[in-house]
Amino acid sequence: MPFTACHPAICLPFVAALRNRLPFLSAGLILGSLTPDLEYMLRLRLQGSFAHSVPGLFFFCLPAGFFLYLAMALSGKVILQHSPAVLNSRLIGLWKSLQLSRLSWLPVACLAAGLLAGASSHILWDSFTHSTGFFVRHFSVFRYPVEPGWPLYRILQHGSSLLGMSLILFYFRRLPVQPMVRATPARRWLFWLSCAIIALILYGMFWQFFPIRFAPGHIVVRIMSAGFLALLLAAALFMASAPKSESLYSWLQGINGWQQNPEPLNLSGSSSNVTQYPPSS
């Protein structure tokens, strides 16, 4: 699957069944399905054979998955506060369900198991859709040229990406809508403008300090790396400027009052269920 974000699609049937009972296991499946491709982003090039191997599952994908969880747990709130309503209202429930009120072995174990299973699903899927994949190398049918320059595995690669993204969008639309806590319009514009500026600076620095031949794959990987780091850095800057009630320390103590309003989100145009942050004076 050429698009990393499509990989969670293979885990969605299990995520849908486990999300309410074992949220950390389902989160691990989603995050783990992304981790093998993080080696590309770390190397800033299309080179990631170690993360797509059995040793890489334990020595790269597992720690990378825990990093993704921590990044989501710590910065997810501020990112959602500055996101469009359609994302905020559907993803805030998932974010709240993954907050640890106290350190316990069970959610950590569930997260680790999910990360390993999700990363394994990524490697399994790639084995059918990449030239270096196990099934492509050992079964000639996957190398059959359906069209000149288009062997079967490449058609499966792009076709499965479209199917995977369609399944993700379908699942996303079925997520329950919940009350929102949103930043003011001015802060939302400032947040995304900050992300864009930081991403452009990082992208330029990548080519300046880590030069490599221009190739579409390398360019895409570096854009993804710059965008991901810019999102985390912008979130950190906005967390640092937040009032004490929204500080990082406060977030580590719990959900900080986000579950106080049980009313459903009003999508009729009224803003009665949308809390602006920071409050207007």
Foldseek 3Di string as FASTA:
>chain_A
DLDLQLLLLVVVVVCVVCCVPQVLLSLLLNLLLNFQCVVCLVVLHPDRVLCLDPVVLPVGQLVVSVVVLVLCLQLVQVVLQLDDLLCNQQCVVSNQVSADLDDDVVSVVSNSVSNSNNNNSNSVLVLQQDCPHPCVVVPVQQQCPPDVVDGNSPVVVVVSSVVSVVSVVVVSVPGAGAFGEHADPVVSVVLVVQLVVQLVVQLVVCCVPPNDDDDVRSSVSSSVSSNVVSNSVSSVVVLVVAPPLSHSVNSNNHPSCPPVDGDGDDPPPDCPRYHYPPHDD
